């Protein structure tokens, strides 16, 4: 059992409390993400692999409109890169809150910071909010991507919850380690996708 405990401000509007409860697991970890981005990120990543398997295989190297080997490799490479980008940019990023620590999982890096060091969550480029830290630093949050419609309505559910937690946090003694970040390239979903692409390559080259 995790020793992490859920953290909440003293007062929150009841609709937010319900949203927080729905996103908090048994160990007290609150997970925030754009559900639509996560869904479509995974769908597109695996769909492009399916396109490669079904349309860019050995049979495509023969016939009147056959691709050359170089063209087939280029098509596969483009599908592979786009597949990985869809998963890494849209499918797996998220934000978690536990024990007053906010963890931001971005496509390539993970950041961890005490909630008292956060200043605001503002609208950002392409719908990815910008998390501003006390002291002038800022951080793009890919896991809380918002559509134009969500932005006009005040933001997606995850972004609204995080903004509320930040706005209701009282200034206090900052954590000893205010912020830390590290590279985090691999994840279970990415490993599974890479294994799928490896199986495709082996099937095309060996069978």
C-alpha atoms as a PDB file:
ATOM      1  CA  UNK A   1       0.000   0.000   0.000  1.00  0.00           C
ATOM      2  CA  UNK A   2       1.363   3.409  -0.969  1.00  0.00           C
ATOM      3  CA  UNK A   3       2.060   5.869   1.850  1.00  0.00           C
ATOM      4  CA  UNK A   4       0.968   8.796  -0.326  1.00  0.00           C
ATOM      5  CA  UNK A   5      -2.036  10.696   1.028  1.00  0.00           C
ATOM      6  CA  UNK A   6      -4.526  12.795  -0.910  1.00  0.00           C
ATOM      7  CA  UNK A   7      -4.038  16.538  -0.487  1.00  0.00           C
ATOM      8  CA  UNK A   8      -6.882  19.012  -0.811  1.00  0.00           C
ATOM      9  CA  UNK A   9      -7.322  22.721  -0.016  1.00  0.00           C
ATOM     10  CA  UNK A  10      -9.644  23.509   2.863  1.00  0.00           C
ATOM     11  CA  UNK A  11     -12.495  24.557   0.570  1.00  0.00           C
ATOM     12  CA  UNK A  12     -13.414  23.487  -2.935  1.00  0.00           C
ATOM     13  CA  UNK A  13     -16.674  23.847  -4.883  1.00  0.00           C
ATOM     14  CA  UNK A  14     -18.670  20.626  -4.644  1.00  0.00           C
ATOM     15  CA  UNK A  15     -18.556  19.904  -8.426  1.00  0.00           C
ATOM     16  CA  UNK A  16     -14.758  19.979  -8.226  1.00  0.00           C
ATOM     17  CA  UNK A  17     -14.766  17.664  -5.238  1.00  0.00           C
ATOM     18  CA  UNK A  18     -16.785  15.156  -7.265  1.00  0.00           C
ATOM     19  CA  UNK A  19     -14.367  15.452 -10.186  1.00  0.00           C
ATOM     20  CA  UNK A  20     -11.375  15.001  -7.904  1.00  0.00           C
ATOM     21  CA  UNK A  21     -12.929  11.958  -6.228  1.00  0.00           C
ATOM     22  CA  UNK A  22     -13.524  10.343  -9.628  1.00  0.00           C
ATOM     23  CA  UNK A  23      -9.853  10.800 -10.575  1.00  0.00           C
ATOM     24  CA  UNK A  24      -8.303   9.681  -7.274  1.00  0.00           C
ATOM     25  CA  UNK A  25      -7.188   6.078  -6.859  1.00  0.00           C
ATOM     26  CA  UNK A  26      -7.206   3.932  -3.710  1.00  0.00           C
ATOM     27  CA  UNK A  27      -3.727   5.127  -2.684  1.00  0.00           C
ATOM     28  CA  UNK A  28      -4.779   8.781  -2.779  1.00  0.00           C
ATOM     29  CA  UNK A  29      -3.087   9.694  -6.056  1.00  0.00           C
ATOM     30  CA  UNK A  30      -5.035  12.224  -8.123  1.00  0.00           C
ATOM     31  CA  UNK A  31      -4.430  11.779 -11.859  1.00  0.00           C
ATOM     32  CA  UNK A  32      -5.316  14.560 -14.306  1.00  0.00           C
ATOM     33  CA  UNK A  33      -5.208  14.231 -18.076  1.00  0.00           C
ATOM     34  CA  UNK A  34      -7.074  15.048 -21.254  1.00  0.00           C
ATOM     35  CA  UNK A  35      -9.105  11.864 -21.773  1.00  0.00           C
ATOM     36  CA  UNK A  36      -9.771  12.620 -25.446  1.00  0.00           C
ATOM     37  CA  UNK A  37      -6.088  13.261 -26.174  1.00  0.00           C
ATOM     38  CA  UNK A  38      -5.105  10.065 -24.373  1.00  0.00           C
ATOM     39  CA  UNK A  39      -7.698   8.029 -26.283  1.00  0.00           C
ATOM     40  CA  UNK A  40      -6.877   9.382 -29.721  1.00  0.00           C
ATOM     41  CA  UNK A  41      -3.140   9.338 -29.071  1.00  0.00           C
ATOM     42  CA  UNK A  42      -3.261   5.585 -28.459  1.00  0.00           C
ATOM     43  CA  UNK A  43      -5.723   4.952 -31.298  1.00  0.00           C
ATOM     44  CA  UNK A  44      -3.656   6.844 -33.874  1.00  0.00           C
ATOM     45  CA  UNK A  45      -0.398   5.246 -32.701  1.00  0.00           C
ATOM     46  CA  UNK A  46      -1.732   1.713 -33.161  1.00  0.00           C
ATOM     47  CA  UNK A  47      -3.776   2.565 -36.259  1.00  0.00           C
ATOM     48  CA  UNK A  48      -0.636   3.712 -38.075  1.00  0.00           C
ATOM     49  CA  UNK A  49       1.034   0.414 -37.189  1.00  0.00           C
ATOM     50  CA  UNK A  50      -2.001  -1.397 -38.602  1.00  0.00           C
ATOM     51  CA  UNK A  51      -1.729   0.680 -41.809  1.00  0.00           C
ATOM     52  CA  UNK A  52       1.927  -0.317 -42.132  1.00  0.00           C
ATOM     53  CA  UNK A  53       1.101  -4.001 -41.631  1.00  0.00           C
ATOM     54  CA  UNK A  54      -1.803  -3.985 -44.078  1.00  0.00           C
ATOM     55  CA  UNK A  55      -0.561  -1.648 -46.811  1.00  0.00           C
ATOM     56  CA  UNK A  56       3.230  -1.438 -46.616  1.00  0.00           C
ATOM     57  CA  UNK A  57       4.310  -5.066 -46.802  1.00  0.00           C
ATOM     58  CA  UNK A  58       6.019  -7.424 -49.238  1.00  0.00           C
ATOM     59  CA  UNK A  59       2.985  -7.531 -51.536  1.00  0.00           C
ATOM     60  CA  UNK A  60       3.397  -3.799 -52.066  1.00  0.00           C
ATOM     61  CA  UNK A  61       6.781  -4.393 -53.710  1.00  0.00           C
ATOM     62  CA  UNK A  62       5.213  -6.219 -56.653  1.00  0.00           C
ATOM     63  CA  UNK A  63       2.548  -5.407 -59.230  1.00  0.00           C
ATOM     64  CA  UNK A  64       2.030  -2.507 -61.637  1.00  0.00           C
ATOM     65  CA  UNK A  65       2.080   0.194 -58.932  1.00  0.00           C
ATOM     66  CA  UNK A  66       4.765  -1.419 -56.814  1.00  0.00           C
ATOM     67  CA  UNK A  67       6.892   0.656 -54.476  1.00  0.00           C
ATOM     68  CA  UNK A  68      10.653   0.449 -54.612  1.00  0.00           C
ATOM     69  CA  UNK A  69      12.418  -0.849 -51.524  1.00  0.00           C
ATOM     70  CA  UNK A  70      13.579   2.687 -50.741  1.00  0.00           C
ATOM     71  CA  UNK A  71      10.038   4.068 -51.015  1.00  0.00           C
ATOM     72  CA  UNK A  72       8.653   1.310 -48.788  1.00  0.00           C
ATOM     73  CA  UNK A  73      11.306   2.012 -46.156  1.00  0.00           C
ATOM     74  CA  UNK A  74      10.527   5.747 -46.295  1.00  0.00           C
ATOM     75  CA  UNK A  75       6.795   5.130 -45.889  1.00  0.00           C
ATOM     76  CA  UNK A  76       7.436   2.789 -42.951  1.00  0.00           C
ATOM     77  CA  UNK A  77       9.776   5.313 -41.334  1.00  0.00           C
ATOM     78  CA  UNK A  78       7.213   8.123 -41.642  1.00  0.00           C
ATOM     79  CA  UNK A  79       4.461   5.943 -40.184  1.00  0.00           C
ATOM     80  CA  UNK A  80       6.769   4.836 -37.359  1.00  0.00           C
ATOM     81  CA  UNK A  81       7.800   8.372 -36.367  1.00  0.00           C
ATOM     82  CA  UNK A  82       4.218   9.663 -36.514  1.00  0.00           C
ATOM     83  CA  UNK A  83       2.984   6.674 -34.502  1.00  0.00           C
ATOM     84  CA  UNK A  84       5.512   7.288 -31.735  1.00  0.00           C
ATOM     85  CA  UNK A  85       4.827  11.035 -31.745  1.00  0.00           C
ATOM     86  CA  UNK A  86       1.075  10.461 -31.354  1.00  0.00           C
ATOM     87  CA  UNK A  87       1.615   8.236 -28.333  1.00  0.00           C
ATOM     88  CA  UNK A  88       4.298  10.375 -26.686  1.00  0.00           C
ATOM     89  CA  UNK A  89       2.674  13.783 -27.233  1.00  0.00           C
ATOM     90  CA  UNK A  90      -1.001  12.895 -26.783  1.00  0.00           C
ATOM     91  CA  UNK A  91      -1.314   9.384 -25.370  1.00  0.00           C
ATOM     92  CA  UNK A  92       0.827   9.166 -22.258  1.00  0.00           C
ATOM     93  CA  UNK A  93       1.388  12.669 -20.741  1.00  0.00           C
ATOM     94  CA  UNK A  94      -0.522  13.347 -17.505  1.00  0.00           C
ATOM     95  CA  UNK A  95      -0.323  15.157 -14.166  1.00  0.00           C
ATOM     96  CA  UNK A  96      -0.543  13.546 -10.728  1.00  0.00           C
ATOM     97  CA  UNK A  97      -1.030  15.157  -7.308  1.00  0.00           C
ATOM     98  CA  UNK A  98      -0.188  13.321  -4.073  1.00  0.00           C
ATOM     99  CA  UNK A  99       1.222  14.431  -0.710  1.00  0.00           C
ATOM    100  CA  UNK A 100       1.289  18.060  -1.946  1.00  0.00           C
ATOM    101  CA  UNK A 101       3.639  17.011  -4.753  1.00  0.00           C
ATOM    102  CA  UNK A 102       2.652  17.672  -8.352  1.00  0.00           C
ATOM    103  CA  UNK A 103       4.253  15.410 -10.971  1.00  0.00           C
ATOM    104  CA  UNK A 104       4.069  16.492 -14.619  1.00  0.00           C
ATOM    105  CA  UNK A 105       4.680  13.703 -17.128  1.00  0.00           C
ATOM    106  CA  UNK A 106       5.581  15.273 -20.488  1.00  0.00           C
ATOM    107  CA  UNK A 107       6.586  13.487 -23.708  1.00  0.00           C
ATOM    108  CA  UNK A 108      10.298  13.244 -22.844  1.00  0.00           C
ATOM    109  CA  UNK A 109      10.726  14.476 -19.271  1.00  0.00           C
ATOM    110  CA  UNK A 110       9.021  14.202 -15.892  1.00  0.00           C
ATOM    111  CA  UNK A 111       8.965  17.099 -13.400  1.00  0.00           C
ATOM    112  CA  UNK A 112       8.122  16.969  -9.690  1.00  0.00           C
ATOM    113  CA  UNK A 113       7.421  20.031  -7.535  1.00  0.00           C
ATOM    114  CA  UNK A 114       5.655  21.081  -4.340  1.00  0.00           C
ATOM    115  CA  UNK A 115       2.282  22.673  -5.043  1.00  0.00           C
ATOM    116  CA  UNK A 116       3.326  25.774  -3.084  1.00  0.00           C
ATOM    117  CA  UNK A 117       5.851  26.579  -5.825  1.00  0.00           C
ATOM    118  CA  UNK A 118       3.124  26.831  -8.493  1.00  0.00           C
ATOM    119  CA  UNK A 119       1.745  30.226  -9.447  1.00  0.00           C
ATOM    120  CA  UNK A 120      -0.798  29.673 -12.229  1.00  0.00           C
ATOM    121  CA  UNK A 121      -1.866  27.490 -15.141  1.00  0.00           C
ATOM    122  CA  UNK A 122      -2.375  29.638 -18.229  1.00  0.00           C
ATOM    123  CA  UNK A 123      -3.588  28.943 -21.742  1.00  0.00           C
ATOM    124  CA  UNK A 124      -0.766  27.872 -24.015  1.00  0.00           C
ATOM    125  CA  UNK A 125       0.264  27.258 -27.606  1.00  0.00           C
ATOM    126  CA  UNK A 126      -1.833  24.628 -29.469  1.00  0.00           C
ATOM    127  CA  UNK A 127      -3.994  24.170 -26.382  1.00  0.00           C
ATOM    128  CA  UNK A 128      -1.205  22.870 -24.139  1.00  0.00           C
ATOM    129  CA  UNK A 129      -1.386  24.944 -20.908  1.00  0.00           C
ATOM    130  CA  UNK A 130       1.625  26.745 -19.497  1.00  0.00           C
ATOM    131  CA  UNK A 131       2.371  26.081 -15.825  1.00  0.00           C
ATOM    132  CA  UNK A 132       4.027  29.112 -14.224  1.00  0.00           C
ATOM    133  CA  UNK A 133       6.237  28.594 -11.176  1.00  0.00           C
ATOM    134  CA  UNK A 134       7.091  31.134  -8.526  1.00  0.00           C
ATOM    135  CA  UNK A 135      10.380  32.714  -9.477  1.00  0.00           C
ATOM    136  CA  UNK A 136       9.610  33.200 -13.152  1.00  0.00           C
ATOM    137  CA  UNK A 137      10.029  29.696 -14.557  1.00  0.00           C
ATOM    138  CA  UNK A 138       7.361  28.099 -16.734  1.00  0.00           C
ATOM    139  CA  UNK A 139       6.623  24.600 -17.957  1.00  0.00           C
ATOM    140  CA  UNK A 140       4.469  23.316 -20.801  1.00  0.00           C
ATOM    141  CA  UNK A 141       1.920  20.726 -19.617  1.00  0.00           C
ATOM    142  CA  UNK A 142       1.140  18.309 -22.460  1.00  0.00           C
ATOM    143  CA  UNK A 143      -1.122  16.056 -20.396  1.00  0.00           C
ATOM    144  CA  UNK A 144      -3.785  18.765 -19.972  1.00  0.00           C
ATOM    145  CA  UNK A 145      -4.199  19.705 -23.614  1.00  0.00           C
ATOM    146  CA  UNK A 146      -7.413  21.644 -24.226  1.00  0.00           C
ATOM    147  CA  UNK A 147      -9.501  22.025 -27.368  1.00  0.00           C
ATOM    148  CA  UNK A 148     -10.548  25.506 -28.506  1.00  0.00           C
ATOM    149  CA  UNK A 149     -14.076  24.790 -27.300  1.00  0.00           C
ATOM    150  CA  UNK A 150     -12.837  23.726 -23.842  1.00  0.00           C
ATOM    151  CA  UNK A 151     -10.658  26.841 -23.587  1.00  0.00           C
ATOM    152  CA  UNK A 152     -13.634  29.097 -24.375  1.00  0.00           C
ATOM    153  CA  UNK A 153     -15.692  27.297 -21.706  1.00  0.00           C
ATOM    154  CA  UNK A 154     -13.035  27.795 -19.035  1.00  0.00           C
ATOM    155  CA  UNK A 155     -10.772  24.812 -19.734  1.00  0.00           C
ATOM    156  CA  UNK A 156     -10.818  21.029 -19.711  1.00  0.00           C
ATOM    157  CA  UNK A 157     -11.737  19.178 -16.525  1.00  0.00           C
ATOM    158  CA  UNK A 158      -8.145  18.350 -15.569  1.00  0.00           C
ATOM    159  CA  UNK A 159      -6.937  21.897 -16.160  1.00  0.00           C
ATOM    160  CA  UNK A 160      -9.872  23.359 -14.173  1.00  0.00           C
ATOM    161  CA  UNK A 161      -9.083  21.114 -11.205  1.00  0.00           C
ATOM    162  CA  UNK A 162      -5.371  21.967 -11.224  1.00  0.00           C
ATOM    163  CA  UNK A 163      -6.082  25.699 -11.548  1.00  0.00           C
ATOM    164  CA  UNK A 164      -8.410  25.485  -8.567  1.00  0.00           C
ATOM    165  CA  UNK A 165      -5.859  23.609  -6.456  1.00  0.00           C
ATOM    166  CA  UNK A 166      -3.202  26.200  -7.299  1.00  0.00           C
ATOM    167  CA  UNK A 167      -5.446  29.210  -6.647  1.00  0.00           C
ATOM    168  CA  UNK A 168      -6.531  27.932  -3.233  1.00  0.00           C
ATOM    169  CA  UNK A 169      -3.067  27.022  -2.026  1.00  0.00           C
ATOM    170  CA  UNK A 170      -1.947  29.364   0.729  1.00  0.00           C
ATOM    171  CA  UNK A 171       1.593  30.687   0.602  1.00  0.00           C
ATOM    172  CA  UNK A 172       3.742  28.772   3.067  1.00  0.00           C
ATOM    173  CA  UNK A 173       7.204  27.427   3.622  1.00  0.00           C
ATOM    174  CA  UNK A 174       8.472  26.092   0.278  1.00  0.00           C
ATOM    175  CA  UNK A 175       9.656  22.520   0.024  1.00  0.00           C
ATOM    176  CA  UNK A 176      13.364  21.838   0.511  1.00  0.00           C
ATOM    177  CA  UNK A 177      13.523  20.512  -3.025  1.00  0.00           C
ATOM    178  CA  UNK A 178      11.185  22.841  -4.865  1.00  0.00           C
ATOM    179  CA  UNK A 179      11.507  21.276  -8.299  1.00  0.00           C
ATOM    180  CA  UNK A 180      13.233  18.329  -9.911  1.00  0.00           C
ATOM    181  CA  UNK A 181      13.172  16.947 -13.428  1.00  0.00           C
ATOM    182  CA  UNK A 182      14.580  13.944 -15.223  1.00  0.00           C
ATOM    183  CA  UNK A 183      14.484  12.295 -18.619  1.00  0.00           C
ATOM    184  CA  UNK A 184      11.807   9.606 -18.847  1.00  0.00           C
ATOM    185  CA  UNK A 185      11.761   8.295 -22.384  1.00  0.00           C
ATOM    186  CA  UNK A 186      10.352   4.825 -21.794  1.00  0.00           C
ATOM    187  CA  UNK A 187       6.993   3.710 -20.438  1.00  0.00           C
ATOM    188  CA  UNK A 188       4.928   0.542 -20.573  1.00  0.00           C
ATOM    189  CA  UNK A 189       2.753   1.824 -23.426  1.00  0.00           C
ATOM    190  CA  UNK A 190       5.772   2.910 -25.463  1.00  0.00           C
ATOM    191  CA  UNK A 191       7.582  -0.408 -24.938  1.00  0.00           C
ATOM    192  CA  UNK A 192       4.484  -2.277 -26.123  1.00  0.00           C
ATOM    193  CA  UNK A 193       4.215  -0.080 -29.224  1.00  0.00           C
ATOM    194  CA  UNK A 194       7.917  -0.519 -30.016  1.00  0.00           C
ATOM    195  CA  UNK A 195       7.517  -4.299 -29.732  1.00  0.00           C
ATOM    196  CA  UNK A 196       4.639  -4.084 -32.205  1.00  0.00           C
ATOM    197  CA  UNK A 197       6.789  -2.170 -34.686  1.00  0.00           C
ATOM    198  CA  UNK A 198       9.669  -4.612 -34.160  1.00  0.00           C
ATOM    199  CA  UNK A 199       7.338  -7.521 -34.936  1.00  0.00           C
ATOM    200  CA  UNK A 200       6.251  -5.707 -38.118  1.00  0.00           C
ATOM    201  CA  UNK A 201       9.843  -5.167 -39.251  1.00  0.00           C
ATOM    202  CA  UNK A 202      10.770  -8.792 -38.579  1.00  0.00           C
ATOM    203  CA  UNK A 203       7.696 -10.019 -40.444  1.00  0.00           C
ATOM    204  CA  UNK A 204       8.483  -7.886 -43.496  1.00  0.00           C
ATOM    205  CA  UNK A 205      12.180  -8.701 -43.639  1.00  0.00           C
ATOM    206  CA  UNK A 206      12.182 -12.382 -42.667  1.00  0.00           C
ATOM    207  CA  UNK A 207       8.922 -13.839 -43.912  1.00  0.00           C
END
